[in-house]
N, C-alpha and C. Protein backbone atom coordinates (compact mmCIF):
# COMPACT_ATOMS: atom_id res chain seq x y z
N MET A 1 -49.41 -41.23 54.12
CA MET A 1 -49.35 -39.79 54.10
C MET A 1 -48.44 -39.36 52.96
N GLY A 2 -48.92 -38.46 52.11
CA GLY A 2 -48.15 -38.00 50.97
C GLY A 2 -47.28 -36.80 51.29
N PHE A 3 -46.30 -36.60 50.46
CA PHE A 3 -45.40 -35.46 50.60
C PHE A 3 -45.97 -34.31 49.80
N SER A 4 -46.10 -33.15 50.42
CA SER A 4 -46.59 -31.99 49.69
C SER A 4 -45.58 -30.86 49.75
N MET A 5 -45.33 -30.26 48.60
CA MET A 5 -44.38 -29.17 48.53
C MET A 5 -45.15 -27.85 48.51
N PRO A 6 -44.54 -26.78 49.02
CA PRO A 6 -45.19 -25.48 48.95
C PRO A 6 -45.25 -25.02 47.50
N ASP A 7 -46.11 -24.05 47.24
CA ASP A 7 -46.20 -23.52 45.88
C ASP A 7 -44.87 -22.89 45.45
N VAL A 8 -44.22 -22.20 46.38
CA VAL A 8 -42.96 -21.52 46.06
C VAL A 8 -41.99 -21.69 47.23
N ARG A 9 -40.76 -21.99 46.91
CA ARG A 9 -39.69 -22.00 47.92
C ARG A 9 -38.90 -20.71 47.73
N VAL A 10 -38.81 -19.92 48.78
CA VAL A 10 -38.04 -18.68 48.75
C VAL A 10 -36.69 -18.98 49.39
N ILE A 11 -35.63 -18.66 48.67
CA ILE A 11 -34.28 -18.90 49.15
C ILE A 11 -33.64 -17.56 49.45
N LEU A 12 -33.33 -17.35 50.72
CA LEU A 12 -32.67 -16.11 51.14
C LEU A 12 -31.22 -16.44 51.48
N THR A 13 -30.31 -15.60 51.01
CA THR A 13 -28.91 -15.82 51.35
C THR A 13 -28.49 -14.85 52.44
N ASN A 14 -27.69 -15.34 53.37
CA ASN A 14 -27.15 -14.50 54.43
C ASN A 14 -25.65 -14.38 54.25
N TRP A 15 -25.21 -13.20 53.97
CA TRP A 15 -23.79 -12.90 53.95
C TRP A 15 -23.62 -11.47 54.47
N ARG A 16 -23.34 -11.37 55.74
CA ARG A 16 -23.09 -10.10 56.42
C ARG A 16 -24.33 -9.24 56.65
N ARG A 17 -25.53 -9.78 56.46
CA ARG A 17 -26.75 -8.99 56.69
C ARG A 17 -27.84 -9.80 57.39
N PRO A 18 -27.54 -10.48 58.47
CA PRO A 18 -28.54 -11.34 59.09
C PRO A 18 -29.78 -10.59 59.60
N LYS A 19 -29.62 -9.33 59.99
CA LYS A 19 -30.77 -8.58 60.51
C LYS A 19 -31.79 -8.26 59.42
N ASN A 20 -31.36 -8.25 58.17
CA ASN A 20 -32.29 -7.98 57.07
C ASN A 20 -33.25 -9.15 56.81
N LEU A 21 -32.89 -10.34 57.25
CA LEU A 21 -33.66 -11.53 56.90
C LEU A 21 -35.06 -11.55 57.52
N ILE A 22 -35.21 -11.01 58.71
CA ILE A 22 -36.52 -11.06 59.38
C ILE A 22 -37.57 -10.25 58.61
N PRO A 23 -37.32 -8.96 58.28
CA PRO A 23 -38.34 -8.24 57.52
C PRO A 23 -38.58 -8.82 56.13
N ILE A 24 -37.53 -9.36 55.51
CA ILE A 24 -37.72 -9.97 54.20
C ILE A 24 -38.61 -11.21 54.31
N ALA A 25 -38.32 -12.08 55.28
CA ALA A 25 -39.12 -13.29 55.47
C ALA A 25 -40.57 -12.94 55.79
N LYS A 26 -40.77 -11.96 56.65
CA LYS A 26 -42.14 -11.56 57.00
C LYS A 26 -42.90 -11.03 55.79
N ALA A 27 -42.21 -10.28 54.93
CA ALA A 27 -42.86 -9.75 53.72
C ALA A 27 -43.29 -10.89 52.80
N PHE A 28 -42.45 -11.90 52.65
CA PHE A 28 -42.84 -13.05 51.81
C PHE A 28 -44.00 -13.82 52.44
N ARG A 29 -44.04 -13.94 53.75
CA ARG A 29 -45.13 -14.64 54.44
C ARG A 29 -46.47 -13.92 54.24
N GLU A 30 -46.44 -12.61 54.05
CA GLU A 30 -47.66 -11.82 53.89
C GLU A 30 -48.23 -11.89 52.47
N GLN A 31 -47.54 -12.53 51.55
CA GLN A 31 -48.02 -12.64 50.18
C GLN A 31 -49.20 -13.61 50.11
N SER A 32 -49.92 -13.60 49.01
CA SER A 32 -51.12 -14.43 48.88
C SER A 32 -50.82 -15.90 48.58
N VAL A 33 -49.60 -16.20 48.16
CA VAL A 33 -49.23 -17.58 47.85
C VAL A 33 -48.39 -18.13 49.01
N PRO A 34 -48.76 -19.31 49.52
CA PRO A 34 -47.95 -19.89 50.61
C PRO A 34 -46.52 -20.17 50.13
N VAL A 35 -45.56 -19.89 51.00
CA VAL A 35 -44.15 -20.10 50.66
C VAL A 35 -43.45 -20.88 51.75
N GLU A 36 -42.41 -21.56 51.35
CA GLU A 36 -41.45 -22.15 52.28
C GLU A 36 -40.22 -21.27 52.19
N ILE A 37 -39.67 -20.87 53.33
CA ILE A 37 -38.51 -19.98 53.32
C ILE A 37 -37.30 -20.73 53.85
N VAL A 38 -36.26 -20.75 53.00
CA VAL A 38 -35.00 -21.41 53.34
C VAL A 38 -33.90 -20.35 53.31
N VAL A 39 -33.11 -20.31 54.37
CA VAL A 39 -31.96 -19.41 54.40
C VAL A 39 -30.71 -20.22 54.12
N VAL A 40 -29.92 -19.74 53.16
CA VAL A 40 -28.60 -20.31 52.92
C VAL A 40 -27.62 -19.38 53.62
N ASP A 41 -27.01 -19.89 54.68
CA ASP A 41 -26.13 -19.08 55.52
C ASP A 41 -24.70 -19.18 55.05
N ASN A 42 -24.23 -18.10 54.44
CA ASN A 42 -22.86 -17.98 53.93
C ASN A 42 -22.00 -17.13 54.85
N SER A 43 -22.47 -16.87 56.06
CA SER A 43 -21.81 -15.88 56.91
C SER A 43 -20.37 -16.24 57.28
N GLY A 44 -20.09 -17.52 57.42
CA GLY A 44 -18.71 -17.95 57.65
C GLY A 44 -18.15 -17.62 59.02
N GLY A 45 -18.98 -17.31 59.97
CA GLY A 45 -18.44 -17.04 61.30
C GLY A 45 -19.46 -16.44 62.25
N LYS A 46 -19.01 -16.19 63.47
CA LYS A 46 -19.91 -15.72 64.52
C LYS A 46 -20.36 -14.27 64.32
N LYS A 47 -19.54 -13.45 63.71
CA LYS A 47 -19.86 -12.03 63.58
C LYS A 47 -21.19 -11.79 62.87
N PHE A 48 -21.49 -12.57 61.85
CA PHE A 48 -22.72 -12.40 61.07
C PHE A 48 -23.62 -13.63 61.16
N ALA A 49 -23.48 -14.38 62.22
CA ALA A 49 -24.27 -15.61 62.40
C ALA A 49 -25.76 -15.29 62.54
N LEU A 50 -26.58 -16.26 62.21
CA LEU A 50 -28.03 -16.11 62.32
C LEU A 50 -28.46 -16.16 63.78
N SER A 51 -29.36 -15.28 64.15
CA SER A 51 -29.90 -15.27 65.51
C SER A 51 -31.00 -16.33 65.62
N ASP A 52 -31.38 -16.65 66.84
CA ASP A 52 -32.50 -17.57 67.06
C ASP A 52 -33.78 -17.00 66.47
N GLU A 53 -33.93 -15.68 66.52
CA GLU A 53 -35.13 -15.05 65.96
C GLU A 53 -35.24 -15.30 64.46
N VAL A 54 -34.13 -15.20 63.76
CA VAL A 54 -34.13 -15.49 62.32
C VAL A 54 -34.49 -16.95 62.10
N ARG A 55 -33.84 -17.84 62.83
CA ARG A 55 -34.09 -19.28 62.68
C ARG A 55 -35.55 -19.63 62.97
N ASP A 56 -36.18 -18.92 63.90
CA ASP A 56 -37.58 -19.18 64.22
C ASP A 56 -38.53 -18.62 63.16
N THR A 57 -38.05 -17.68 62.34
CA THR A 57 -38.88 -17.03 61.32
C THR A 57 -38.93 -17.82 60.02
N VAL A 58 -37.92 -18.64 59.77
CA VAL A 58 -37.83 -19.36 58.50
C VAL A 58 -38.08 -20.85 58.71
N ASP A 59 -38.25 -21.57 57.60
CA ASP A 59 -38.56 -23.00 57.67
C ASP A 59 -37.32 -23.89 57.76
N ASP A 60 -36.23 -23.44 57.15
CA ASP A 60 -35.03 -24.27 57.14
C ASP A 60 -33.80 -23.39 56.95
N VAL A 61 -32.65 -23.88 57.40
CA VAL A 61 -31.37 -23.19 57.23
C VAL A 61 -30.36 -24.19 56.69
N ILE A 62 -29.66 -23.79 55.64
CA ILE A 62 -28.56 -24.58 55.10
C ILE A 62 -27.30 -23.75 55.35
N THR A 63 -26.34 -24.31 56.06
CA THR A 63 -25.15 -23.56 56.47
C THR A 63 -23.92 -23.98 55.68
N PHE A 64 -23.21 -22.99 55.17
CA PHE A 64 -21.92 -23.20 54.53
C PHE A 64 -20.86 -22.61 55.45
N GLY A 65 -19.65 -23.11 55.38
CA GLY A 65 -18.58 -22.61 56.23
C GLY A 65 -18.12 -21.22 55.86
N ASP A 66 -18.32 -20.82 54.62
CA ASP A 66 -17.85 -19.52 54.15
C ASP A 66 -18.68 -19.14 52.93
N ASN A 67 -18.45 -17.96 52.39
CA ASN A 67 -19.21 -17.50 51.24
C ASN A 67 -18.95 -18.41 50.04
N ALA A 68 -19.97 -19.10 49.61
CA ALA A 68 -19.86 -20.02 48.49
C ALA A 68 -20.33 -19.40 47.18
N GLY A 69 -20.73 -18.14 47.22
CA GLY A 69 -21.20 -17.47 46.02
C GLY A 69 -22.54 -18.02 45.56
N PRO A 70 -22.94 -17.72 44.32
CA PRO A 70 -24.24 -18.15 43.82
C PRO A 70 -24.46 -19.66 43.84
N ALA A 71 -23.40 -20.44 43.81
CA ALA A 71 -23.55 -21.90 43.83
C ALA A 71 -24.17 -22.38 45.14
N CYS A 72 -24.16 -21.55 46.16
CA CYS A 72 -24.68 -21.95 47.47
C CYS A 72 -26.17 -22.27 47.43
N ILE A 73 -26.89 -21.75 46.46
CA ILE A 73 -28.33 -21.98 46.45
C ILE A 73 -28.73 -23.33 45.86
N ALA A 74 -27.79 -24.03 45.23
CA ALA A 74 -28.11 -25.31 44.58
C ALA A 74 -28.81 -26.30 45.51
N PRO A 75 -28.33 -26.53 46.75
CA PRO A 75 -29.04 -27.49 47.62
C PRO A 75 -30.45 -27.04 47.96
N ALA A 76 -30.68 -25.75 48.03
CA ALA A 76 -32.01 -25.25 48.37
C ALA A 76 -32.98 -25.35 47.19
N ILE A 77 -32.46 -25.33 45.97
CA ILE A 77 -33.32 -25.42 44.80
C ILE A 77 -33.78 -26.85 44.56
N ALA A 78 -32.96 -27.81 44.92
CA ALA A 78 -33.33 -29.22 44.74
C ALA A 78 -34.68 -29.48 45.40
N CYS A 79 -35.49 -30.29 44.80
CA CYS A 79 -36.81 -30.66 45.33
C CYS A 79 -37.77 -29.48 45.37
N SER A 80 -37.64 -28.56 44.45
CA SER A 80 -38.54 -27.41 44.38
C SER A 80 -39.25 -27.39 43.05
N CYS A 81 -40.56 -27.15 43.09
CA CYS A 81 -41.30 -26.93 41.85
C CYS A 81 -40.98 -25.54 41.31
N ALA A 82 -40.97 -24.55 42.21
CA ALA A 82 -40.65 -23.18 41.84
C ALA A 82 -39.84 -22.58 42.96
N ALA A 83 -38.77 -21.91 42.61
CA ALA A 83 -37.91 -21.30 43.64
C ALA A 83 -37.62 -19.86 43.26
N LEU A 84 -37.55 -19.02 44.28
CA LEU A 84 -37.21 -17.62 44.12
C LEU A 84 -36.01 -17.32 44.99
N TRP A 85 -34.93 -16.84 44.40
CA TRP A 85 -33.73 -16.49 45.17
C TRP A 85 -33.75 -15.00 45.41
N HIS A 86 -33.63 -14.59 46.68
CA HIS A 86 -33.67 -13.19 47.04
C HIS A 86 -32.46 -12.86 47.89
N GLU A 87 -31.67 -11.91 47.46
CA GLU A 87 -30.46 -11.49 48.18
C GLU A 87 -30.86 -10.70 49.42
N SER A 88 -30.18 -10.92 50.53
CA SER A 88 -30.52 -10.28 51.80
C SER A 88 -30.25 -8.78 51.83
N ALA A 89 -29.63 -8.24 50.79
CA ALA A 89 -29.39 -6.79 50.75
C ALA A 89 -30.66 -6.04 50.40
N GLY A 90 -31.64 -6.73 49.84
CA GLY A 90 -32.84 -6.08 49.34
C GLY A 90 -33.89 -5.80 50.40
N VAL A 91 -33.68 -4.81 51.23
CA VAL A 91 -34.66 -4.43 52.26
C VAL A 91 -35.09 -3.01 51.99
N ALA A 92 -36.39 -2.78 51.99
CA ALA A 92 -36.90 -1.43 51.81
C ALA A 92 -36.49 -0.55 52.99
N ARG A 93 -36.09 0.63 52.73
CA ARG A 93 -35.67 1.55 53.80
C ARG A 93 -36.71 2.62 54.01
């Protein structure tokens, strides 16, 4: 059995906006190109922790103990043909 990668890996960062991740992930899932969605969790504590609903909506979660800044996406980019980084603040109102 061979290893197959998605066409695009979408990397979402969570820092104080975990509720935004569900509509963002759903919007990416509705696109015409299949995506793998990875959340990099920079929340650093229980106050902004990811809910089970968020975890069930995405393919993978990489957790950091605290806000690691832009460098946090490096592990999620590894093993990707194409990656798109999307900040969790970007939700249509």
